[in-house]
Amino acid sequence: MRYTDGPTVHEEVHIQAAPPEVWKMVTDIGLPARFSPELRRAEWLDGATGPAMGAAFAGHNHNPVLGEWRTVSHVVALEPERVFAWAVTDPDGRYGGGPADPAHPMATWTFALEPASGGTLLRLSALLGPARSGISLAVDRMPEKEEAIIEHRLGDLAAGMRTTLQGVKDLVEGRA
């Protein structure tokens, strides 16, 4: 798989709670920082106080290989109690992808909720690209290892997603 193919990864969990209860958790942009191995904190920007189409929030991240970086995400899909998605941009030009543009993001992340078996099936997914990202820097250095680099990154993301989803499940089901 190549970065230009738009690699994707997703994980899901069943939660013993109705979608409105789960929705409150997944639309709290600070919640993933409690569980994510990379996201340290997030805050709404430009006066936004919650999810709305086009609303922006900053994410502050850390990775042992990539160091620290900031992103700005824009809400690109919002269907109450069903879908919350955001496009991640590189506001500081760290990866050389040109101006930050939510129509051309580094990644698009989505929480999707579906009523299932007396509760909610919660899915978290990420679509990488098309804009340059930290993966692009690694591929620039080792183009012959592009597939392995992408596979490794997707594995890291999947592990973080599982941790985040389990954290949401534990909170909603009262085990955290």
N, C-alpha and C. Protein backbone atom coordinates (compact mmCIF):
# COMPACT_ATOMS: atom_id res chain seq x y z
N MET A 1 0.84 -1.18 0.00
CA MET A 1 0.00 0.00 0.00
C MET A 1 0.88 1.23 0.00
N ARG A 2 0.46 2.21 -0.76
CA ARG A 2 1.18 3.48 -0.84
C ARG A 2 0.37 4.57 -0.13
N TYR A 3 1.05 5.62 0.30
CA TYR A 3 0.38 6.72 0.99
C TYR A 3 -0.66 7.36 0.07
N THR A 4 -0.34 7.44 -1.21
CA THR A 4 -1.28 8.05 -2.16
C THR A 4 -2.55 7.21 -2.35
N ASP A 5 -2.55 5.96 -1.87
CA ASP A 5 -3.75 5.12 -1.94
C ASP A 5 -4.78 5.48 -0.88
N GLY A 6 -4.40 6.33 0.07
CA GLY A 6 -5.32 6.68 1.15
C GLY A 6 -5.54 5.53 2.11
N PRO A 7 -4.48 5.07 2.78
CA PRO A 7 -4.63 3.94 3.70
C PRO A 7 -5.63 4.26 4.81
N THR A 8 -6.34 3.23 5.24
CA THR A 8 -7.33 3.40 6.29
C THR A 8 -7.13 2.35 7.38
N VAL A 9 -7.65 2.66 8.54
CA VAL A 9 -7.63 1.75 9.66
C VAL A 9 -8.87 2.04 10.49
N HIS A 10 -9.43 0.99 11.07
CA HIS A 10 -10.57 1.18 11.96
C HIS A 10 -10.58 0.10 13.03
N GLU A 11 -11.24 0.45 14.11
CA GLU A 11 -11.48 -0.47 15.22
C GLU A 11 -12.89 -0.19 15.72
N GLU A 12 -13.49 -1.17 16.38
CA GLU A 12 -14.83 -0.96 16.91
C GLU A 12 -15.01 -1.72 18.21
N VAL A 13 -16.02 -1.28 18.96
CA VAL A 13 -16.34 -1.89 20.24
C VAL A 13 -17.86 -1.79 20.45
N HIS A 14 -18.42 -2.78 21.11
CA HIS A 14 -19.83 -2.72 21.49
C HIS A 14 -19.91 -2.17 22.91
N ILE A 15 -20.79 -1.19 23.09
CA ILE A 15 -20.96 -0.56 24.40
C ILE A 15 -22.39 -0.78 24.87
N GLN A 16 -22.55 -1.19 26.11
CA GLN A 16 -23.88 -1.43 26.67
C GLN A 16 -24.48 -0.11 27.14
N ALA A 17 -24.81 0.74 26.16
CA ALA A 17 -25.45 2.02 26.42
C ALA A 17 -26.05 2.51 25.11
N ALA A 18 -27.06 3.32 25.22
CA ALA A 18 -27.73 3.86 24.03
C ALA A 18 -26.85 4.91 23.35
N PRO A 19 -27.02 5.09 22.04
CA PRO A 19 -26.22 6.07 21.30
C PRO A 19 -26.16 7.47 21.91
N PRO A 20 -27.25 8.03 22.48
CA PRO A 20 -27.12 9.38 23.05
C PRO A 20 -26.07 9.47 24.16
N GLU A 21 -25.96 8.41 24.96
CA GLU A 21 -24.99 8.39 26.04
C GLU A 21 -23.56 8.31 25.50
N VAL A 22 -23.37 7.47 24.48
CA VAL A 22 -22.05 7.32 23.87
C VAL A 22 -21.68 8.60 23.12
N TRP A 23 -22.65 9.21 22.46
CA TRP A 23 -22.43 10.44 21.70
C TRP A 23 -21.82 11.53 22.57
N LYS A 24 -22.31 11.68 23.78
CA LYS A 24 -21.77 12.70 24.69
C LYS A 24 -20.27 12.52 24.89
N MET A 25 -19.84 11.28 24.95
CA MET A 25 -18.42 11.00 25.16
C MET A 25 -17.59 11.28 23.92
N VAL A 26 -18.03 10.77 22.78
CA VAL A 26 -17.18 10.86 21.58
C VAL A 26 -17.11 12.27 21.02
N THR A 27 -18.05 13.13 21.38
CA THR A 27 -17.98 14.52 20.90
C THR A 27 -17.25 15.43 21.89
N ASP A 28 -16.74 14.87 22.96
CA ASP A 28 -15.88 15.59 23.89
C ASP A 28 -14.45 15.46 23.37
N ILE A 29 -13.95 16.51 22.71
CA ILE A 29 -12.65 16.41 22.04
C ILE A 29 -11.49 16.18 23.01
N GLY A 30 -11.69 16.48 24.27
CA GLY A 30 -10.63 16.24 25.26
C GLY A 30 -10.56 14.79 25.72
N LEU A 31 -11.64 14.05 25.52
CA LEU A 31 -11.70 12.68 26.03
C LEU A 31 -10.60 11.76 25.47
N PRO A 32 -10.35 11.75 24.15
CA PRO A 32 -9.31 10.84 23.65
C PRO A 32 -7.94 11.05 24.29
N ALA A 33 -7.64 12.27 24.72
CA ALA A 33 -6.34 12.52 25.34
C ALA A 33 -6.16 11.72 26.64
N ARG A 34 -7.26 11.30 27.25
CA ARG A 34 -7.17 10.49 28.46
C ARG A 34 -6.64 9.10 28.16
N PHE A 35 -6.79 8.66 26.91
CA PHE A 35 -6.44 7.28 26.56
C PHE A 35 -5.40 7.15 25.46
N SER A 36 -5.31 8.13 24.58
CA SER A 36 -4.46 8.05 23.40
C SER A 36 -2.98 8.06 23.76
N PRO A 37 -2.20 7.22 23.08
CA PRO A 37 -0.76 7.28 23.31
C PRO A 37 -0.10 8.50 22.66
N GLU A 38 -0.81 9.22 21.78
CA GLU A 38 -0.21 10.39 21.11
C GLU A 38 -0.87 11.72 21.46
N LEU A 39 -2.17 11.77 21.46
CA LEU A 39 -2.86 13.04 21.73
C LEU A 39 -2.72 13.39 23.20
N ARG A 40 -2.16 14.55 23.47
CA ARG A 40 -1.95 14.98 24.85
C ARG A 40 -3.08 15.88 25.35
N ARG A 41 -3.59 16.76 24.48
CA ARG A 41 -4.71 17.63 24.85
C ARG A 41 -5.30 18.23 23.59
N ALA A 42 -6.54 18.71 23.74
CA ALA A 42 -7.23 19.36 22.62
C ALA A 42 -8.09 20.48 23.17
N GLU A 43 -8.26 21.53 22.36
CA GLU A 43 -9.14 22.62 22.76
C GLU A 43 -9.79 23.23 21.54
N TRP A 44 -11.05 23.65 21.74
CA TRP A 44 -11.79 24.31 20.66
C TRP A 44 -11.14 25.65 20.35
N LEU A 45 -11.25 26.07 19.11
CA LEU A 45 -10.66 27.34 18.65
C LEU A 45 -11.74 28.31 18.19
N ASP A 46 -11.35 29.56 18.07
CA ASP A 46 -12.19 30.59 17.46
C ASP A 46 -13.57 30.71 18.09
N GLY A 47 -13.64 30.53 19.41
CA GLY A 47 -14.90 30.70 20.13
C GLY A 47 -15.81 29.49 20.13
N ALA A 48 -15.44 28.44 19.44
CA ALA A 48 -16.27 27.22 19.46
C ALA A 48 -16.22 26.60 20.86
N THR A 49 -17.34 26.04 21.27
CA THR A 49 -17.40 25.39 22.58
C THR A 49 -17.85 23.94 22.48
N GLY A 50 -18.11 23.51 21.27
CA GLY A 50 -18.54 22.14 21.06
C GLY A 50 -18.61 21.86 19.57
N PRO A 51 -18.95 20.62 19.23
CA PRO A 51 -18.95 20.25 17.82
C PRO A 51 -20.03 20.95 17.02
N ALA A 52 -19.62 21.47 15.87
CA ALA A 52 -20.52 22.09 14.89
C ALA A 52 -19.79 22.00 13.56
N MET A 53 -20.53 21.88 12.49
CA MET A 53 -19.89 21.81 11.17
C MET A 53 -18.95 22.99 10.98
N GLY A 54 -17.72 22.69 10.59
CA GLY A 54 -16.72 23.71 10.34
C GLY A 54 -15.97 24.18 11.57
N ALA A 55 -16.44 23.84 12.77
CA ALA A 55 -15.74 24.24 13.99
C ALA A 55 -14.33 23.64 13.98
N ALA A 56 -13.40 24.37 14.59
CA ALA A 56 -12.00 23.93 14.60
C ALA A 56 -11.52 23.70 16.02
N PHE A 57 -10.59 22.75 16.15
CA PHE A 57 -9.95 22.53 17.43
C PHE A 57 -8.49 22.17 17.21
N ALA A 58 -7.67 22.55 18.19
CA ALA A 58 -6.24 22.25 18.15
C ALA A 58 -5.99 20.95 18.90
N GLY A 59 -5.07 20.17 18.37
CA GLY A 59 -4.62 18.97 19.04
C GLY A 59 -3.13 19.09 19.30
N HIS A 60 -2.70 18.69 20.47
CA HIS A 60 -1.28 18.73 20.84
C HIS A 60 -0.85 17.29 21.05
N ASN A 61 0.15 16.88 20.26
CA ASN A 61 0.51 15.48 20.16
C ASN A 61 1.97 15.24 20.52
N HIS A 62 2.25 13.98 20.87
CA HIS A 62 3.63 13.56 21.12
C HIS A 62 3.79 12.11 20.69
N ASN A 63 4.91 11.85 20.03
CA ASN A 63 5.26 10.50 19.61
C ASN A 63 6.77 10.36 19.82
N PRO A 64 7.23 9.22 20.33
CA PRO A 64 8.67 9.07 20.59
C PRO A 64 9.53 9.26 19.34
N VAL A 65 9.01 8.93 18.18
CA VAL A 65 9.78 9.07 16.94
C VAL A 65 9.60 10.47 16.34
N LEU A 66 8.37 10.96 16.31
CA LEU A 66 8.08 12.23 15.64
C LEU A 66 8.25 13.45 16.54
N GLY A 67 8.36 13.25 17.84
CA GLY A 67 8.47 14.38 18.76
C GLY A 67 7.10 14.98 19.04
N GLU A 68 7.07 16.30 19.22
CA GLU A 68 5.82 17.00 19.53
C GLU A 68 5.37 17.80 18.33
N TRP A 69 4.06 17.89 18.15
CA TRP A 69 3.52 18.70 17.07
C TRP A 69 2.09 19.11 17.39
N ARG A 70 1.63 20.11 16.66
CA ARG A 70 0.29 20.64 16.82
C ARG A 70 -0.47 20.43 15.52
N THR A 71 -1.74 20.13 15.65
CA THR A 71 -2.62 20.04 14.48
C THR A 71 -3.81 20.96 14.71
N VAL A 72 -4.48 21.29 13.63
CA VAL A 72 -5.78 21.95 13.72
C VAL A 72 -6.74 21.09 12.92
N SER A 73 -7.81 20.70 13.58
CA SER A 73 -8.82 19.85 12.96
C SER A 73 -10.10 20.64 12.76
N HIS A 74 -10.82 20.28 11.71
CA HIS A 74 -12.08 20.94 11.36
C HIS A 74 -13.17 19.88 11.28
N VAL A 75 -14.29 20.13 11.93
CA VAL A 75 -15.41 19.19 11.89
C VAL A 75 -15.95 19.16 10.47
N VAL A 76 -15.95 17.98 9.86
CA VAL A 76 -16.38 17.84 8.46
C VAL A 76 -17.63 16.97 8.30
N ALA A 77 -18.04 16.29 9.35
CA ALA A 77 -19.29 15.53 9.33
C ALA A 77 -19.85 15.52 10.74
N LEU A 78 -21.13 15.78 10.84
CA LEU A 78 -21.78 15.83 12.14
C LEU A 78 -23.24 15.43 11.98
N GLU A 79 -23.52 14.21 12.35
CA GLU A 79 -24.89 13.71 12.36
C GLU A 79 -25.15 13.26 13.79
N PRO A 80 -25.87 14.07 14.58
CA PRO A 80 -26.05 13.76 15.99
C PRO A 80 -26.40 12.29 16.25
N GLU A 81 -25.66 11.75 17.20
CA GLU A 81 -25.81 10.37 17.66
C GLU A 81 -25.49 9.34 16.59
N ARG A 82 -24.84 9.77 15.47
CA ARG A 82 -24.47 8.84 14.39
C ARG A 82 -23.02 9.00 13.93
N VAL A 83 -22.61 10.24 13.56
CA VAL A 83 -21.29 10.44 12.96
C VAL A 83 -20.68 11.76 13.44
N PHE A 84 -19.41 11.68 13.85
CA PHE A 84 -18.61 12.85 14.19
C PHE A 84 -17.26 12.65 13.52
N ALA A 85 -16.93 13.51 12.54
CA ALA A 85 -15.67 13.37 11.80
C ALA A 85 -14.95 14.70 11.71
N TRP A 86 -13.62 14.63 11.68
CA TRP A 86 -12.82 15.84 11.59
C TRP A 86 -11.63 15.60 10.68
N ALA A 87 -11.29 16.65 9.93
CA ALA A 87 -10.14 16.64 9.03
C ALA A 87 -8.97 17.32 9.74
N VAL A 88 -7.84 16.65 9.75
CA VAL A 88 -6.65 17.11 10.48
C VAL A 88 -5.71 17.84 9.52
N THR A 89 -5.32 19.05 9.90
CA THR A 89 -4.40 19.83 9.07
C THR A 89 -3.11 20.14 9.85
N ASP A 90 -2.14 20.58 9.10
CA ASP A 90 -0.81 20.90 9.62
C ASP A 90 -0.66 22.43 9.60
N PRO A 91 -1.11 23.12 10.66
CA PRO A 91 -1.11 24.58 10.64
C PRO A 91 0.27 25.21 10.63
N ASP A 92 1.27 24.46 11.04
CA ASP A 92 2.63 25.01 11.13
C ASP A 92 3.51 24.65 9.94
N GLY A 93 2.96 23.93 8.97
CA GLY A 93 3.74 23.54 7.80
C GLY A 93 4.89 22.60 8.11
N ARG A 94 4.78 21.87 9.18
CA ARG A 94 5.85 20.98 9.63
C ARG A 94 6.21 19.92 8.58
N TYR A 95 5.24 19.46 7.81
CA TYR A 95 5.46 18.36 6.89
C TYR A 95 5.57 18.79 5.43
N GLY A 96 5.53 20.09 5.18
CA GLY A 96 5.74 20.59 3.83
C GLY A 96 4.60 20.36 2.88
N GLY A 97 3.39 20.33 3.39
CA GLY A 97 2.23 20.05 2.54
C GLY A 97 1.51 21.28 2.04
N GLY A 98 2.09 22.46 2.20
CA GLY A 98 1.41 23.67 1.77
C GLY A 98 0.47 24.19 2.84
N PRO A 99 -0.36 25.14 2.48
CA PRO A 99 -1.27 25.74 3.48
C PRO A 99 -2.21 24.70 4.07
N ALA A 100 -2.51 24.87 5.35
CA ALA A 100 -3.45 23.96 6.02
C ALA A 100 -4.83 24.12 5.39
N ASP A 101 -5.37 23.02 4.90
CA ASP A 101 -6.65 23.05 4.18
C ASP A 101 -7.47 21.82 4.56
N PRO A 102 -8.61 22.00 5.25
CA PRO A 102 -9.41 20.83 5.64
C PRO A 102 -9.95 20.04 4.44
N ALA A 103 -9.95 20.64 3.26
CA ALA A 103 -10.36 19.89 2.07
C ALA A 103 -9.24 19.00 1.56
N HIS A 104 -8.04 19.18 2.10
CA HIS A 104 -6.85 18.41 1.71
C HIS A 104 -6.09 18.07 3.00
N PRO A 105 -6.68 17.21 3.87
CA PRO A 105 -6.11 16.98 5.20
C PRO A 105 -4.98 15.95 5.22
N MET A 106 -4.25 15.96 6.34
CA MET A 106 -3.27 14.91 6.61
C MET A 106 -3.98 13.61 6.94
N ALA A 107 -5.14 13.72 7.56
CA ALA A 107 -5.93 12.54 7.93
C ALA A 107 -7.35 13.00 8.22
N THR A 108 -8.28 12.07 8.10
CA THR A 108 -9.65 12.31 8.52
C THR A 108 -10.04 11.21 9.48
N TRP A 109 -10.48 11.63 10.65
CA TRP A 109 -10.88 10.70 11.71
C TRP A 109 -12.40 10.72 11.85
N THR A 110 -12.98 9.56 12.16
CA THR A 110 -14.43 9.47 12.28
C THR A 110 -14.83 8.54 13.42
N PHE A 111 -15.75 9.03 14.25
CA PHE A 111 -16.49 8.18 15.18
C PHE A 111 -17.83 7.92 14.53
N ALA A 112 -18.22 6.66 14.40
CA ALA A 112 -19.54 6.30 13.88
C ALA A 112 -20.24 5.44 14.93
N LEU A 113 -21.50 5.76 15.19
CA LEU A 113 -22.30 5.05 16.18
C LEU A 113 -23.47 4.38 15.49
N GLU A 114 -23.76 3.16 15.93
CA GLU A 114 -24.88 2.42 15.36
C GLU A 114 -25.57 1.64 16.47
N PRO A 115 -26.89 1.80 16.60
CA PRO A 115 -27.59 0.98 17.59
C PRO A 115 -27.37 -0.49 17.26
N ALA A 116 -27.06 -1.29 18.30
CA ALA A 116 -26.79 -2.71 18.07
C ALA A 116 -26.94 -3.49 19.37
N SER A 117 -27.67 -4.56 19.31
CA SER A 117 -27.77 -5.51 20.43
C SER A 117 -28.03 -4.83 21.78
N GLY A 118 -29.00 -3.94 21.81
CA GLY A 118 -29.35 -3.28 23.06
C GLY A 118 -28.33 -2.26 23.53
N GLY A 119 -27.43 -1.85 22.68
CA GLY A 119 -26.41 -0.87 23.03
C GLY A 119 -25.99 -0.12 21.78
N THR A 120 -24.70 0.15 21.69
CA THR A 120 -24.15 0.92 20.57
C THR A 120 -22.87 0.26 20.06
N LEU A 121 -22.80 0.10 18.75
CA LEU A 121 -21.55 -0.29 18.12
C LEU A 121 -20.83 1.01 17.81
N LEU A 122 -19.67 1.20 18.41
CA LEU A 122 -18.87 2.42 18.21
C LEU A 122 -17.66 2.07 17.38
N ARG A 123 -17.51 2.77 16.26
CA ARG A 123 -16.39 2.54 15.36
C ARG A 123 -15.56 3.81 15.28
N LEU A 124 -14.26 3.67 15.35
CA LEU A 124 -13.32 4.77 15.18
C LEU A 124 -12.47 4.42 13.97
N SER A 125 -12.39 5.34 13.01
CA SER A 125 -11.60 5.08 11.81
C SER A 125 -10.75 6.29 11.46
N ALA A 126 -9.71 6.02 10.69
CA ALA A 126 -8.83 7.08 10.19
C ALA A 126 -8.50 6.78 8.73
N LEU A 127 -8.57 7.81 7.93
CA LEU A 127 -8.15 7.78 6.54
C LEU A 127 -6.92 8.68 6.46
N LEU A 128 -5.80 8.14 6.04
CA LEU A 128 -4.56 8.92 5.97
C LEU A 128 -4.45 9.64 4.63
N GLY A 129 -3.98 10.87 4.69
CA GLY A 129 -3.77 11.67 3.50
C GLY A 129 -5.02 12.41 3.09
N PRO A 130 -4.93 13.12 2.00
CA PRO A 130 -3.87 13.09 1.01
C PRO A 130 -2.68 14.03 1.30
N ALA A 131 -2.85 15.00 2.22
CA ALA A 131 -1.75 15.94 2.48
C ALA A 131 -0.59 15.22 3.16
N ARG A 132 0.56 15.82 3.07
CA ARG A 132 1.76 15.27 3.70
C ARG A 132 1.60 15.23 5.21
N SER A 133 2.28 14.24 5.82
CA SER A 133 2.24 14.07 7.26
C SER A 133 3.59 13.52 7.72
N GLY A 134 3.65 13.10 8.96
CA GLY A 134 4.88 12.49 9.46
C GLY A 134 5.26 11.25 8.67
N ILE A 135 4.27 10.54 8.17
CA ILE A 135 4.56 9.37 7.33
C ILE A 135 5.33 9.80 6.09
N SER A 136 4.96 10.93 5.53
CA SER A 136 5.63 11.43 4.33
C SER A 136 7.12 11.65 4.58
N LEU A 137 7.45 12.18 5.76
CA LEU A 137 8.86 12.42 6.08
C LEU A 137 9.63 11.09 6.12
N ALA A 138 9.02 10.07 6.72
CA ALA A 138 9.68 8.76 6.79
C ALA A 138 9.84 8.16 5.40
N VAL A 139 8.82 8.28 4.56
CA VAL A 139 8.89 7.73 3.20
C VAL A 139 9.92 8.50 2.38
N ASP A 140 10.03 9.81 2.59
CA ASP A 140 11.06 10.59 1.88
C ASP A 140 12.45 10.03 2.16
N ARG A 141 12.70 9.63 3.41
CA ARG A 141 14.01 9.11 3.80
C ARG A 141 14.25 7.69 3.32
N MET A 142 13.15 6.90 3.23
CA MET A 142 13.30 5.48 2.87
C MET A 142 12.18 5.07 1.90
N PRO A 143 12.18 5.59 0.69
CA PRO A 143 11.07 5.31 -0.23
C PRO A 143 10.89 3.82 -0.52
N GLU A 144 11.94 3.06 -0.46
CA GLU A 144 11.84 1.63 -0.73
C GLU A 144 11.10 0.89 0.38
N LYS A 145 10.88 1.54 1.52
CA LYS A 145 10.20 0.91 2.65
C LYS A 145 8.81 1.51 2.89
N GLU A 146 8.26 2.16 1.88
CA GLU A 146 6.98 2.84 2.05
C GLU A 146 5.89 1.92 2.60
N GLU A 147 5.74 0.74 2.02
CA GLU A 147 4.69 -0.16 2.48
C GLU A 147 4.88 -0.56 3.93
N ALA A 148 6.09 -0.86 4.32
CA ALA A 148 6.37 -1.25 5.70
C ALA A 148 6.13 -0.07 6.65
N ILE A 149 6.50 1.12 6.23
CA ILE A 149 6.28 2.32 7.06
C ILE A 149 4.79 2.52 7.29
N ILE A 150 4.01 2.41 6.23
CA ILE A 150 2.56 2.61 6.35
C ILE A 150 1.95 1.51 7.21
N GLU A 151 2.36 0.27 6.98
CA GLU A 151 1.83 -0.84 7.77
C GLU A 151 2.13 -0.64 9.26
N HIS A 152 3.34 -0.21 9.57
CA HIS A 152 3.72 0.03 10.96
C HIS A 152 2.87 1.15 11.57
N ARG A 153 2.70 2.23 10.82
CA ARG A 153 1.91 3.36 11.34
C ARG A 153 0.45 2.96 11.54
N LEU A 154 -0.11 2.22 10.60
CA LEU A 154 -1.49 1.76 10.75
C LEU A 154 -1.61 0.87 11.98
N GLY A 155 -0.61 0.05 12.25
CA GLY A 155 -0.62 -0.78 13.46
C GLY A 155 -0.60 0.05 14.73
N ASP A 156 0.24 1.09 14.75
CA ASP A 156 0.28 2.00 15.90
C ASP A 156 -1.07 2.67 16.10
N LEU A 157 -1.66 3.16 15.00
CA LEU A 157 -2.95 3.83 15.10
C LEU A 157 -4.03 2.87 15.59
N ALA A 158 -4.04 1.65 15.08
CA ALA A 158 -5.04 0.66 15.50
C ALA A 158 -4.92 0.38 17.00
N ALA A 159 -3.70 0.25 17.49
CA ALA A 159 -3.51 0.01 18.93
C ALA A 159 -4.03 1.19 19.75
N GLY A 160 -3.74 2.40 19.32
CA GLY A 160 -4.26 3.58 20.02
C GLY A 160 -5.77 3.67 19.96
N MET A 161 -6.35 3.29 18.83
CA MET A 161 -7.81 3.29 18.69
C MET A 161 -8.44 2.30 19.65
N ARG A 162 -7.86 1.11 19.73
CA ARG A 162 -8.41 0.10 20.65
C ARG A 162 -8.38 0.61 22.09
N THR A 163 -7.29 1.25 22.47
CA THR A 163 -7.16 1.80 23.82
C THR A 163 -8.20 2.88 24.06
N THR A 164 -8.38 3.77 23.09
CA THR A 164 -9.36 4.84 23.22
C THR A 164 -10.77 4.28 23.30
N LEU A 165 -11.11 3.36 22.42
CA LEU A 165 -12.45 2.78 22.43
C LEU A 165 -12.73 2.04 23.73
N GLN A 166 -11.75 1.31 24.23
CA GLN A 166 -11.95 0.61 25.51
C GLN A 166 -12.14 1.61 26.63
N GLY A 167 -11.41 2.72 26.59
CA GLY A 167 -11.58 3.77 27.60
C GLY A 167 -12.98 4.36 27.56
N VAL A 168 -13.50 4.63 26.36
CA VAL A 168 -14.86 5.15 26.22
C VAL A 168 -15.85 4.12 26.77
N LYS A 169 -15.68 2.87 26.39
CA LYS A 169 -16.56 1.80 26.85
C LYS A 169 -16.56 1.75 28.38
N ASP A 170 -15.39 1.76 28.98
CA ASP A 170 -15.29 1.68 30.44
C ASP A 170 -15.97 2.88 31.10
N LEU A 171 -15.79 4.06 30.56
CA LEU A 171 -16.42 5.24 31.13
C LEU A 171 -17.95 5.17 31.03
N VAL A 172 -18.43 4.84 29.83
CA VAL A 172 -19.87 4.82 29.62
C VAL A 172 -20.52 3.71 30.44
N GLU A 173 -19.87 2.58 30.54
CA GLU A 173 -20.44 1.46 31.28
C GLU A 173 -20.14 1.53 32.78
N GLY A 174 -19.49 2.62 33.20
CA GLY A 174 -19.28 2.84 34.62
C GLY A 174 -18.16 2.05 35.26
N ARG A 175 -17.19 1.63 34.45
CA ARG A 175 -16.07 0.85 34.99
C ARG A 175 -14.79 1.67 35.15
N ALA A 176 -14.88 2.95 34.85
CA ALA A 176 -13.64 3.76 34.95
C ALA A 176 -13.80 4.82 36.02
